[in-house]
């Protein structure tokens, strides 16, 4: 393993991600009625079968701590953008579902946000580079996920 190369690659990846995310955040539609973080939650749910996800799975897919995800989902429930119900297979768990209103709001924001992503990511890299970037990021993420221990039952 090339220690210096790994550290240098990580720093480059991290700095690129921070720079791009700051730009995307600054360009996120101001009239969207949701924040970029709320959009991320709606996006994540929208990609699931039936536009529904277990709360514990949602927590692993967004960049927030467990209490923050719970509070954010509760706020989205209050606004009618998602609904929460008991998980059929686990009485302790919850399912979070995207409402029609939540999906429509997500779609409206996705159009402008998608344009911004294309402007800053799609136009900076060739089609081949984009495919390579996706493959490398997926490989890295999967490798780290496989190394990570499962959370204990009381941590959920």
Protein backbone atom coordinates (compact mmCIF):
# COMPACT_ATOMS: atom_id res chain seq x y z
CA UNK A 1 0.00 0.00 0.00
CA UNK A 2 1.32 3.40 -0.95
CA UNK A 3 0.65 5.45 2.20
CA UNK A 4 1.60 8.84 0.73
CA UNK A 5 -0.46 8.16 -2.40
CA UNK A 6 -3.51 7.14 -0.35
CA UNK A 7 -3.31 10.28 1.78
CA UNK A 8 -2.77 12.51 -1.25
CA UNK A 9 -5.68 10.89 -3.12
CA UNK A 10 -7.95 11.28 -0.07
CA UNK A 11 -7.05 14.95 0.33
CA UNK A 12 -7.73 15.57 -3.35
CA UNK A 13 -11.08 13.74 -3.23
CA UNK A 14 -12.12 15.52 -0.04
CA UNK A 15 -11.17 18.98 -1.32
CA UNK A 16 -12.95 18.41 -4.64
CA UNK A 17 -16.07 17.22 -2.82
CA UNK A 18 -16.08 20.21 -0.45
CA UNK A 19 -15.53 22.68 -3.30
CA UNK A 20 -18.25 21.18 -5.48
CA UNK A 21 -20.71 20.86 -2.57
CA UNK A 22 -20.18 24.51 -1.55
CA UNK A 23 -20.89 25.59 -5.11
CA UNK A 24 -23.97 23.35 -5.43
CA UNK A 25 -25.21 24.57 -2.06
CA UNK A 26 -24.80 28.20 -3.09
CA UNK A 27 -26.67 27.52 -6.34
CA UNK A 28 -29.44 25.42 -4.78
CA UNK A 29 -32.79 27.05 -5.61
CA UNK A 30 -33.52 29.69 -2.96
CA UNK A 31 -37.26 29.48 -3.64
CA UNK A 32 -37.26 25.70 -3.26
CA UNK A 33 -39.06 25.60 0.11
CA UNK A 34 -36.50 23.00 1.26
CA UNK A 35 -32.84 23.00 2.15
CA UNK A 36 -30.18 20.99 0.32
CA UNK A 37 -30.11 18.58 3.28
CA UNK A 38 -33.88 18.09 3.09
CA UNK A 39 -33.54 17.62 -0.66
CA UNK A 40 -30.94 14.90 -0.04
CA UNK A 41 -33.40 13.02 2.18
CA UNK A 42 -36.23 13.37 -0.38
CA UNK A 43 -33.84 12.30 -3.17
CA UNK A 44 -32.72 9.24 -1.19
CA UNK A 45 -36.32 8.18 -0.50
CA UNK A 46 -37.38 8.84 -4.11
CA UNK A 47 -34.84 6.31 -5.39
CA UNK A 48 -36.22 3.48 -3.24
CA UNK A 49 -38.81 0.97 -4.39
CA UNK A 50 -42.25 2.37 -3.58
CA UNK A 51 -40.58 5.64 -2.52
CA UNK A 52 -40.27 4.13 0.95
CA UNK A 53 -37.27 3.34 3.16
CA UNK A 54 -36.63 2.00 6.63
CA UNK A 55 -35.51 4.77 8.96
CA UNK A 56 -32.36 2.87 9.91
CA UNK A 57 -31.44 2.51 6.22
CA UNK A 58 -32.08 6.20 5.59
CA UNK A 59 -29.67 7.05 8.43
CA UNK A 60 -26.88 5.14 6.69
CA UNK A 61 -27.45 6.83 3.34
CA UNK A 62 -27.47 10.52 4.32
CA UNK A 63 -24.70 12.57 5.85
CA UNK A 64 -26.36 13.33 9.17
CA UNK A 65 -26.16 11.89 12.66
CA UNK A 66 -28.96 9.62 13.87
CA UNK A 67 -30.71 12.28 16.01
CA UNK A 68 -30.44 14.84 13.20
CA UNK A 69 -32.05 12.47 10.69
CA UNK A 70 -34.90 11.75 13.10
CA UNK A 71 -35.54 15.47 13.72
CA UNK A 72 -35.35 16.28 10.02
CA UNK A 73 -37.79 13.48 9.12
CA UNK A 74 -40.17 14.71 11.84
CA UNK A 75 -40.08 18.21 10.31
CA UNK A 76 -40.75 16.75 6.84
CA UNK A 77 -43.70 14.79 8.28
CA UNK A 78 -45.13 18.00 9.81
CA UNK A 79 -44.89 19.67 6.39
CA UNK A 80 -46.61 16.74 4.65
CA UNK A 81 -43.58 15.88 2.49
CA UNK A 82 -43.08 12.40 3.98
CA UNK A 83 -45.10 10.07 6.16
CA UNK A 84 -43.88 7.74 8.86
CA UNK A 85 -45.44 4.44 9.85
CA UNK A 86 -44.39 1.35 11.81
CA UNK A 87 -42.20 -1.09 9.94
CA UNK A 88 -44.24 -4.27 9.27
CA UNK A 89 -41.35 -6.65 10.06
CA UNK A 90 -39.93 -4.75 13.06
CA UNK A 91 -42.25 -3.10 15.56
CA UNK A 92 -39.36 -0.97 16.85
CA UNK A 93 -38.59 0.43 13.40
CA UNK A 94 -40.27 2.96 11.14
CA UNK A 95 -40.82 3.27 7.42
CA UNK A 96 -40.52 6.69 5.85
CA UNK A 97 -42.55 7.26 2.68
CA UNK A 98 -42.39 10.13 0.25
CA UNK A 99 -45.82 11.73 -0.18
CA UNK A 100 -47.06 12.92 -3.56
CA UNK A 101 -46.49 16.50 -2.41
CA UNK A 102 -42.95 15.62 -1.30
CA UNK A 103 -42.20 13.94 -4.62
CA UNK A 104 -43.46 16.92 -6.61
CA UNK A 105 -41.33 19.32 -4.57
CA UNK A 106 -38.31 17.04 -4.98
CA UNK A 107 -38.85 16.90 -8.78
CA UNK A 108 -39.14 20.69 -9.08
CA UNK A 109 -35.86 21.18 -7.21
CA UNK A 110 -34.16 18.32 -9.07
CA UNK A 111 -34.45 20.08 -12.42
CA UNK A 112 -32.46 23.16 -11.37
CA UNK A 113 -30.13 21.23 -9.07
CA UNK A 114 -29.42 18.76 -11.88
CA UNK A 115 -28.47 21.61 -14.20
CA UNK A 116 -26.01 22.87 -11.60
CA UNK A 117 -24.47 19.40 -11.26
CA UNK A 118 -24.10 19.14 -15.02
CA UNK A 119 -22.52 22.61 -15.18
CA UNK A 120 -19.91 21.87 -12.51
CA UNK A 121 -19.30 18.14 -12.77
CA UNK A 122 -20.53 17.07 -16.19
CA UNK A 123 -18.84 19.90 -18.04
CA UNK A 124 -15.55 19.53 -16.15
CA UNK A 125 -15.04 15.87 -17.09
CA UNK A 126 -15.40 13.81 -20.25
CA UNK A 127 -17.94 10.97 -20.46
CA UNK A 128 -15.11 8.50 -19.94
CA UNK A 129 -13.80 10.41 -16.90
CA UNK A 130 -17.30 10.58 -15.40
CA UNK A 131 -17.68 6.80 -15.76
CA UNK A 132 -14.24 6.29 -14.23
CA UNK A 133 -15.00 8.66 -11.35
CA UNK A 134 -18.26 6.85 -10.61
CA UNK A 135 -16.58 3.44 -10.73
CA UNK A 136 -13.77 4.54 -8.42
CA UNK A 137 -16.10 6.21 -5.93
CA UNK A 138 -18.39 3.15 -5.88
CA UNK A 139 -15.41 0.85 -5.38
CA UNK A 140 -14.09 2.95 -2.49
CA UNK A 141 -17.51 3.24 -0.82
CA UNK A 142 -18.21 -0.50 -1.10
CA UNK A 143 -14.78 -1.38 0.27
CA UNK A 144 -15.27 0.82 3.32
CA UNK A 145 -18.85 -0.41 3.87
CA UNK A 146 -17.64 -4.01 3.88
CA UNK A 147 -15.01 -3.18 6.52
CA UNK A 148 -17.45 -1.32 8.78
CA UNK A 149 -18.97 -3.40 11.60
CA UNK A 150 -22.76 -3.62 11.81
CA UNK A 151 -24.22 -1.24 14.40
CA UNK A 152 -25.38 -2.91 17.59
CA UNK A 153 -29.10 -3.25 18.18
CA UNK A 154 -29.13 -0.54 20.88
CA UNK A 155 -27.38 1.94 18.54
CA UNK A 156 -30.32 1.97 16.14
